[in-house]
Amino acid sequence: MTHGPSTHGEAVTRQVLLLNSDKPEVLEALARRPDVTVRVITRKVYADLYRNHEVAYVDNFADLTQVEQAAYELAAHGPVDHVIAATEKSVPAAGLVRVLLGVPGPGFDQSLWGAHKRAMKDRLRAAGLPVTDYAQAATVDEVPRAAERTGWPVMIKPVFGAASKCTYRVDSPEEFAERHRAGDFADLAGKRLPVQVERLVRFTHEYHCDGVVHDGEVARAAVSRYFLPPLRVSPNLNSGYVADQADPFSREVLDLHRRVVAALGLSAGVTHLEVFRTQAGPVIGEVAVRPGGMGISRMWWHAFGLDLWEEFVRVSAGEQPSRPAREPHPETIGRTRLPALPGLRERVLALPGVLEVLTPEECASPGHLEAYFKAADETAAETFIAGLHELAGPAA
């Protein structure tokens, strides 16, 4: 069922079909454009966010039959110029919608390369890019057979999925059997999806490269380093900093990012590429075709004067990327999540070098603060993050 008023006037407006959950940043960026009308595919739980829009509901973006019906429902209100997927789960659905409605942009196969972990690795490996050995298991039960092809130890995770949910390290067939019997992988089995099995990567540090792509070219990109890899730290303390872009490893990662964009055939969008630093050189973890979460976009704003969500909407809606209003910040910019403990925000704000501390409401993350700071260099940034984590204490 479609709800909401039709707002089409006589003036020429750009018609955007948005697939979103409750991400406010993309809505705010679209709302800044008076010539854009937004129609929305979302879940009913988010209905209140979209009261002023034409909306069609789905139970899940993975239900492509529902997505197809929702797209046709909304297309009945007039042509669609751009389809924008704001969440990882909606990327393949948006690819299908573009094909069904004849809208320019990544089609279904291309969208899978940015969301389905095995399809992504197939594409990257075919382009000669460095990825670990991997195999797809039809079910959790089939993991040991897949791991025979990759070699142990392995990381296992659903082929579709954001962040590090349902992701496990398993060192041997014996450990797998024991933990499977104990129900350790019940949430992964409950996904009812194939399982991505990947040979464990031995690495010293984990980096990410975020970029803005326009007309098939990387318009802007920057390398950042996680303080600790996301899988090795509580989500309450996810943190990192912008790396020295002139460092030889950063330059390698920037070149790798450019090659990944070419391999995916990405014409426009924002990318979030995760890269492991190993003794043999960089190895790709995953790539997403949306802005990174956990405060990465805000860190970019402090470092470069650019809002990645604004850039995402710009290039997705056929506009030119922004020109930054200022030079990059001369110091190292970093970020960390912190638990929203009583008095902690005030204590952190009082520290020299802290640029801002967002409340749970401001960063749209219940129970979390997001702190942004400047430091003299990467070593100072590491020390600063460690100090902030100490302030948070054992509750983190």
Protein backbone atom coordinates (compact mmCIF):
# COMPACT_ATOMS: atom_id res chain seq x y z
CA MET A 1 0.00 0.00 0.00
CA THR A 2 1.30 3.46 -0.91
CA HIS A 3 0.84 6.31 1.56
CA GLY A 4 1.48 10.05 1.52
CA PRO A 5 0.75 13.05 -0.64
CA SER A 6 1.98 13.53 -4.19
CA THR A 7 4.05 16.69 -4.21
CA HIS A 8 4.73 16.97 -7.94
CA GLY A 9 4.30 20.58 -9.10
CA GLU A 10 4.66 22.30 -12.43
CA ALA A 11 8.34 23.11 -11.85
CA VAL A 12 10.86 20.57 -13.10
CA THR A 13 11.90 18.45 -10.14
CA ARG A 14 14.30 15.56 -9.89
CA GLN A 15 12.48 12.43 -8.82
CA VAL A 16 14.49 10.28 -6.39
CA LEU A 17 13.43 6.85 -5.20
CA LEU A 18 15.20 6.23 -1.88
CA LEU A 19 15.69 2.82 -0.25
CA ASN A 20 16.47 3.49 3.41
CA SER A 21 15.98 2.40 7.00
CA ASP A 22 16.34 5.17 9.59
CA LYS A 23 19.59 6.77 8.39
CA PRO A 24 18.93 10.48 8.95
CA GLU A 25 22.01 11.80 7.10
CA VAL A 26 20.76 10.89 3.62
CA LEU A 27 17.32 12.39 4.31
CA GLU A 28 18.89 15.62 5.57
CA ALA A 29 21.08 15.87 2.47
CA LEU A 30 18.10 15.30 0.15
CA ALA A 31 15.96 17.80 2.12
CA ARG A 32 18.54 20.51 1.31
CA ARG A 33 17.56 20.24 -2.35
CA PRO A 34 14.35 22.16 -3.13
CA ASP A 35 14.24 20.69 -6.66
CA VAL A 36 14.20 17.06 -5.44
CA THR A 37 11.09 15.03 -4.67
CA VAL A 38 11.77 11.86 -2.68
CA ARG A 39 9.72 8.67 -2.79
CA VAL A 40 10.70 6.01 -0.30
CA ILE A 41 10.81 2.21 0.02
CA THR A 42 11.29 1.26 3.66
CA ARG A 43 9.97 -0.94 6.47
CA LYS A 44 6.78 -0.05 8.40
CA VAL A 45 8.76 0.39 11.62
CA TYR A 46 10.23 3.59 10.10
CA ALA A 47 6.89 5.02 8.90
CA ASP A 48 7.03 8.10 11.17
CA LEU A 49 10.23 9.31 9.50
CA TYR A 50 8.56 9.54 6.11
CA ARG A 51 5.17 11.10 6.84
CA ASN A 52 5.70 13.79 4.20
CA HIS A 53 6.72 11.38 1.44
CA GLU A 54 5.09 8.87 -0.86
CA VAL A 55 6.07 5.55 0.72
CA ALA A 56 5.80 1.88 -0.16
CA TYR A 57 6.62 -0.70 2.50
CA VAL A 58 8.52 -3.98 2.42
CA ASP A 59 9.11 -6.45 5.25
CA ASN A 60 12.74 -6.84 4.21
CA PHE A 61 14.93 -5.54 1.38
CA ALA A 62 16.01 -9.15 0.79
CA ASP A 63 12.44 -9.99 -0.35
CA LEU A 64 12.90 -8.94 -3.95
CA THR A 65 9.30 -9.76 -4.89
CA GLN A 66 8.11 -7.17 -2.36
CA VAL A 67 10.77 -4.73 -3.58
CA GLU A 68 9.54 -5.17 -7.16
CA GLN A 69 5.91 -4.50 -6.14
CA ALA A 70 6.94 -1.44 -4.08
CA ALA A 71 8.96 -0.03 -6.97
CA TYR A 72 6.08 -0.39 -9.44
CA GLU A 73 3.67 1.16 -6.91
CA LEU A 74 5.84 4.25 -6.53
CA ALA A 75 6.66 4.44 -10.26
CA ALA A 76 2.91 4.73 -10.92
CA HIS A 77 3.20 8.30 -9.56
CA GLY A 78 5.51 9.29 -12.42
CA PRO A 79 9.00 8.67 -13.84
CA VAL A 80 11.98 8.16 -11.52
CA ASP A 81 15.29 9.88 -12.31
CA HIS A 82 17.58 8.39 -9.63
CA VAL A 83 17.49 5.39 -7.29
CA ILE A 84 19.54 5.76 -4.08
CA ALA A 85 20.35 2.92 -1.66
CA ALA A 86 21.39 4.30 1.73
CA THR A 87 21.98 1.01 3.57
CA GLU A 88 24.07 -2.04 2.80
CA LYS A 89 21.00 -4.31 2.80
CA SER A 90 19.24 -2.12 0.22
CA VAL A 91 22.09 -2.04 -2.33
CA PRO A 92 21.06 -5.18 -4.34
CA ALA A 93 17.38 -4.19 -4.09
CA ALA A 94 18.23 -0.79 -5.59
CA GLY A 95 20.11 -2.50 -8.42
CA LEU A 96 16.97 -4.54 -9.22
CA VAL A 97 14.77 -1.41 -9.08
CA ARG A 98 17.03 0.44 -11.55
CA VAL A 99 16.77 -2.46 -14.01
CA LEU A 100 12.99 -2.77 -13.59
CA LEU A 101 12.36 0.97 -14.04
CA GLY A 102 15.08 1.67 -16.61
CA VAL A 103 16.90 4.14 -14.36
CA PRO A 104 20.63 4.80 -14.96
CA GLY A 105 23.13 3.51 -12.40
CA PRO A 106 24.43 0.14 -11.17
CA GLY A 107 22.24 -2.77 -12.23
CA PHE A 108 21.57 -5.93 -10.23
CA ASP A 109 24.85 -7.76 -10.94
CA GLN A 110 26.90 -4.65 -10.30
CA SER A 111 25.04 -4.00 -7.05
CA LEU A 112 25.75 -7.56 -5.91
CA TRP A 113 29.48 -6.89 -6.32
CA GLY A 114 29.16 -4.18 -3.66
CA ALA A 115 27.12 -6.23 -1.16
CA HIS A 116 27.38 -10.02 -1.66
CA LYS A 117 30.70 -11.08 -0.16
CA ARG A 118 31.40 -13.99 -2.51
CA ALA A 119 30.30 -12.15 -5.66
CA MET A 120 32.47 -9.20 -4.55
CA LYS A 121 35.55 -11.39 -4.02
CA ASP A 122 34.96 -13.17 -7.37
CA ARG A 123 34.99 -9.80 -9.11
CA LEU A 124 38.06 -8.49 -7.27
CA ARG A 125 40.04 -11.71 -7.76
CA ALA A 126 39.18 -11.75 -11.47
CA ALA A 127 40.68 -8.25 -11.69
CA GLY A 128 43.92 -9.51 -10.14
CA LEU A 129 43.39 -7.72 -6.82
CA PRO A 130 44.71 -9.14 -3.52
CA VAL A 131 42.04 -11.05 -1.56
CA THR A 132 42.37 -13.99 0.81
CA ASP A 133 41.25 -17.49 -0.29
CA TYR A 134 37.50 -17.93 0.14
CA ALA A 135 34.63 -20.32 -0.57
CA GLN A 136 30.85 -20.22 -0.22
CA ALA A 137 29.14 -22.84 1.97
CA ALA A 138 25.44 -23.44 1.33
CA THR A 139 24.76 -23.81 5.07
CA VAL A 140 26.65 -23.65 8.37
CA ASP A 141 26.88 -27.47 8.28
CA GLU A 142 28.89 -27.22 5.05
CA VAL A 143 31.56 -24.90 6.51
CA PRO A 144 34.20 -27.65 7.13
CA ARG A 145 33.96 -28.80 3.50
CA ALA A 146 34.41 -25.21 2.27
CA ALA A 147 37.32 -24.72 4.69
CA GLU A 148 39.10 -27.71 3.14
CA ARG A 149 39.35 -25.58 0.00
CA THR A 150 40.52 -22.40 1.77
CA GLY A 151 42.64 -23.91 4.53
CA TRP A 152 42.20 -23.34 8.28
CA PRO A 153 41.94 -21.11 10.35
CA VAL A 154 38.92 -19.35 8.82
CA MET A 155 36.55 -16.46 9.37
CA ILE A 156 32.90 -17.33 8.73
CA LYS A 157 30.07 -14.86 8.13
CA PRO A 158 26.83 -14.52 6.14
CA VAL A 159 27.32 -13.70 2.43
CA PHE A 160 25.08 -10.66 3.02
CA GLY A 161 25.48 -8.58 6.15
CA ALA A 162 26.65 -5.27 7.50
CA ALA A 163 29.31 -4.58 10.15
CA SER A 164 30.68 -7.68 11.87
CA LYS A 165 27.43 -9.35 12.91
CA CYS A 166 27.45 -13.17 12.99
CA THR A 167 31.19 -13.24 12.21
CA TYR A 168 33.40 -15.87 13.84
CA ARG A 169 36.99 -17.01 13.77
CA VAL A 170 37.37 -20.80 13.80
CA ASP A 171 40.82 -22.39 13.99
CA SER A 172 40.19 -26.07 13.18
CA PRO A 173 37.57 -28.64 12.14
CA GLU A 174 37.55 -29.91 15.75
CA GLU A 175 36.83 -26.44 17.15
CA PHE A 176 34.09 -25.95 14.56
CA ALA A 177 32.38 -29.26 15.46
CA GLU A 178 32.51 -28.52 19.18
CA ARG A 179 31.18 -24.97 18.88
CA HIS A 180 28.52 -25.95 16.33
CA ARG A 181 27.23 -28.64 18.73
CA ALA A 182 27.14 -26.04 21.53
CA GLY A 183 25.00 -23.71 19.38
CA ASP A 184 27.66 -21.00 19.00
CA PHE A 185 26.70 -20.40 15.36
CA ALA A 186 22.92 -20.42 15.88
CA ASP A 187 22.56 -16.75 14.87
CA LEU A 188 24.52 -17.39 11.67
CA ALA A 189 22.39 -20.47 10.86
CA GLY A 190 19.27 -18.43 11.66
CA LYS A 191 20.10 -16.04 8.81
CA ARG A 192 19.19 -18.85 6.37
CA LEU A 193 21.85 -17.54 3.99
CA PRO A 194 24.95 -19.12 2.45
CA VAL A 195 28.08 -18.70 4.56
CA GLN A 196 31.22 -16.94 3.34
CA VAL A 197 34.27 -18.93 4.48
CA GLU A 198 37.57 -17.04 4.27
CA ARG A 199 41.10 -18.03 5.10
CA LEU A 200 42.22 -15.99 8.13
CA VAL A 201 44.40 -13.00 7.17
CA ARG A 202 47.45 -12.48 9.41
CA PHE A 203 47.80 -8.71 9.60
CA THR A 204 49.47 -6.02 11.65
CA HIS A 205 46.88 -3.22 11.23
CA GLU A 206 43.54 -2.62 9.55
CA TYR A 207 42.88 0.45 7.41
CA HIS A 208 39.96 1.85 5.47
CA CYS A 209 39.92 3.99 2.36
CA ASP A 210 36.87 6.16 1.78
CA GLY A 211 36.26 7.76 -1.58
CA VAL A 212 33.92 9.79 -3.76
CA VAL A 213 33.39 8.47 -7.31
CA HIS A 214 32.00 10.55 -10.16
CA ASP A 215 31.81 9.64 -13.87
CA GLY A 216 33.69 6.40 -13.14
CA GLU A 217 36.70 8.22 -11.66
CA VAL A 218 37.81 8.66 -8.06
CA ALA A 219 37.24 12.37 -7.39
CA ARG A 220 38.60 12.23 -3.84
CA ALA A 221 39.85 9.52 -1.49
CA ALA A 222 41.65 9.26 1.84
CA VAL A 223 43.14 6.45 3.89
CA SER A 224 42.43 6.08 7.61
CA ARG A 225 43.57 3.54 10.18
CA TYR A 226 41.50 1.74 12.78
CA PHE A 227 42.98 2.06 16.28
CA LEU A 228 42.05 -1.59 16.79
CA PRO A 229 40.39 -3.81 14.15
CA PRO A 230 36.56 -3.72 14.51
CA LEU A 231 36.47 -7.46 15.26
CA ARG A 232 38.93 -7.04 18.14
CA VAL A 233 37.28 -4.15 19.97
CA SER A 234 33.90 -3.46 21.58
CA PRO A 235 31.57 -1.45 19.30
CA ASN A 236 31.45 0.99 22.25
CA LEU A 237 35.08 1.94 21.50
CA ASN A 238 35.32 1.76 17.70
CA SER A 239 37.98 4.34 16.84
CA GLY A 240 40.60 5.47 14.36
CA TYR A 241 42.27 8.41 12.65
CA VAL A 242 43.10 9.80 9.23
CA ALA A 243 46.48 8.43 8.13
CA ASP A 244 49.35 10.35 6.57
CA GLN A 245 48.29 10.32 2.89
CA ALA A 246 51.91 10.69 1.73
CA ASP A 247 53.03 7.53 3.55
CA PRO A 248 54.08 4.78 1.10
CA PHE A 249 51.48 2.32 2.46
CA SER A 250 48.72 4.95 2.20
CA ARG A 251 49.73 5.51 -1.42
CA GLU A 252 49.50 1.75 -2.06
CA VAL A 253 46.00 1.69 -0.55
CA LEU A 254 44.88 4.71 -2.59
CA ASP A 255 46.04 2.96 -5.76
CA LEU A 256 44.28 -0.24 -4.66
CA HIS A 257 41.08 1.74 -4.07
CA ARG A 258 41.26 3.19 -7.58
CA ARG A 259 41.63 -0.34 -9.01
CA VAL A 260 38.72 -1.63 -6.90
CA VAL A 261 36.45 1.14 -8.24
CA ALA A 262 37.46 0.16 -11.80
CA ALA A 263 36.89 -3.57 -11.10
CA LEU A 264 33.39 -2.90 -9.74
CA GLY A 265 32.59 -0.68 -12.72
CA LEU A 266 31.28 1.94 -10.31
CA SER A 267 30.15 5.07 -12.17
CA ALA A 268 29.15 7.17 -9.16
CA GLY A 269 28.89 6.77 -5.40
CA VAL A 270 30.80 6.79 -2.14
CA THR A 271 33.01 3.84 -1.22
CA HIS A 272 34.25 2.35 2.04
CA LEU A 273 37.11 -0.10 1.39
CA GLU A 274 38.63 -2.11 4.25
CA VAL A 275 42.26 -3.20 3.85
CA PHE A 276 44.57 -5.36 5.96
CA ARG A 277 48.26 -4.52 6.22
CA THR A 278 50.23 -7.77 5.96
CA GLN A 279 53.92 -8.60 5.57
CA ALA A 280 53.21 -9.34 1.90
CA GLY A 281 51.41 -6.02 1.32
CA PRO A 282 47.79 -4.84 1.41
CA VAL A 283 44.96 -7.41 1.29
CA ILE A 284 41.36 -6.34 0.67
CA GLY A 285 38.84 -7.16 3.38
CA GLU A 286 35.59 -5.87 1.90
CA VAL A 287 34.22 -2.89 0.01
CA ALA A 288 30.89 -1.16 0.53
CA VAL A 289 29.27 1.35 -1.84
CA ARG A 290 28.01 3.71 0.86
CA PRO A 291 29.61 5.99 3.46
CA GLY A 292 31.30 4.19 6.35
CA GLY A 293 29.54 4.21 9.71
CA MET A 294 30.80 4.73 13.27
CA GLY A 295 31.59 8.43 12.80
CA ILE A 296 33.83 8.06 9.73
CA SER A 297 31.83 10.64 7.74
CA ARG A 298 32.05 13.21 10.55
CA MET A 299 35.80 12.56 10.87
CA TRP A 300 36.10 13.41 7.15
CA TRP A 301 34.21 16.64 7.75
CA HIS A 302 36.70 17.69 10.44
CA ALA A 303 39.71 16.59 8.35
CA PHE A 304 38.72 17.77 4.87
CA GLY A 305 35.66 20.02 5.20
CA LEU A 306 33.56 17.48 3.26
CA ASP A 307 30.42 15.62 4.36
CA LEU A 308 30.46 12.12 2.84
CA TRP A 309 26.67 11.81 3.03
CA GLU A 310 26.28 15.09 1.14
CA GLU A 311 28.79 13.80 -1.45
CA PHE A 312 26.92 10.48 -1.62
CA VAL A 313 23.65 12.27 -2.46
CA ARG A 314 25.39 14.64 -4.89
CA VAL A 315 27.00 12.00 -7.07
CA SER A 316 24.03 9.60 -6.74
CA ALA A 317 21.67 12.32 -7.98
CA GLY A 318 23.82 13.27 -10.96
CA GLU A 319 25.52 16.34 -9.46
CA GLN A 320 29.20 17.23 -9.45
CA PRO A 321 31.20 16.44 -6.28
CA SER A 322 31.80 19.38 -3.92
CA ARG A 323 34.93 21.46 -3.82
CA PRO A 324 36.06 21.65 -0.18
CA ALA A 325 35.56 25.08 1.36
CA ARG A 326 38.95 24.89 3.08
CA GLU A 327 42.34 23.18 3.02
CA PRO A 328 42.66 19.80 4.78
CA HIS A 329 43.31 20.11 8.51
CA PRO A 330 47.09 20.28 9.06
CA GLU A 331 47.00 17.98 12.09
CA THR A 332 45.89 14.34 12.44
CA ILE A 333 42.14 14.06 12.96
CA GLY A 334 40.79 11.11 14.96
CA ARG A 335 37.57 9.76 16.36
CA THR A 336 36.30 7.30 18.93
CA ARG A 337 33.02 6.00 20.18
CA LEU A 338 32.53 6.04 23.94
CA PRO A 339 29.77 4.73 26.20
CA ALA A 340 27.34 7.50 27.23
CA LEU A 341 28.28 7.40 30.92
CA PRO A 342 27.17 10.19 33.30
CA GLY A 343 29.61 13.11 33.16
CA LEU A 344 31.91 11.51 30.55
CA ARG A 345 30.98 13.91 27.75
CA GLU A 346 31.89 16.94 29.87
CA ARG A 347 35.19 15.38 30.96
CA VAL A 348 36.17 14.62 27.37
CA LEU A 349 35.13 18.07 26.10
CA ALA A 350 37.46 19.64 28.67
CA LEU A 351 40.54 17.93 27.17
CA PRO A 352 42.85 20.01 24.94
CA GLY A 353 42.55 18.92 21.29
CA VAL A 354 38.95 17.68 21.49
CA LEU A 355 36.92 19.21 18.63
CA GLU A 356 33.46 17.99 19.60
CA VAL A 357 31.62 15.18 21.40
CA LEU A 358 28.29 14.21 19.88
CA THR A 359 25.47 13.06 22.16
CA PRO A 360 23.60 9.76 21.49
CA GLU A 361 20.84 11.83 19.84
CA GLU A 362 23.27 13.77 17.66
CA CYS A 363 25.07 10.66 16.42
CA ALA A 364 21.81 8.63 16.20
CA SER A 365 23.32 5.82 18.27
CA PRO A 366 21.60 5.06 21.58
CA GLY A 367 24.03 4.66 24.49
CA HIS A 368 27.03 6.07 22.59
CA LEU A 369 29.01 9.28 22.41
CA GLU A 370 31.23 10.13 19.43
CA ALA A 371 34.36 12.16 20.18
CA TYR A 372 36.48 13.90 17.52
CA PHE A 373 39.93 15.32 18.20
CA LYS A 374 43.12 16.67 16.63
CA ALA A 375 46.64 15.42 17.41
CA ALA A 376 50.15 16.30 16.24
CA ASP A 377 50.66 13.03 14.33
CA GLU A 378 49.60 9.37 14.14
CA THR A 379 51.52 8.36 17.29
CA ALA A 380 49.92 11.19 19.25
CA ALA A 381 46.50 10.14 17.91
CA GLU A 382 47.04 6.57 19.15
CA THR A 383 48.01 7.88 22.59
CA PHE A 384 44.97 10.19 22.65
CA ILE A 385 42.55 7.36 21.78
CA ALA A 386 44.08 5.08 24.43
CA GLY A 387 43.61 7.86 27.00
CA LEU A 388 39.96 8.36 26.04
CA HIS A 389 39.33 4.63 26.34
CA GLU A 390 40.88 4.68 29.83
CA LEU A 391 38.53 7.49 30.81
CA ALA A 392 35.60 5.30 29.74
CA GLY A 393 36.81 2.66 32.19
CA PRO A 394 35.75 -0.98 32.43
CA ALA A 395 32.12 -0.19 31.51
CA ALA A 396 33.22 0.02 27.87
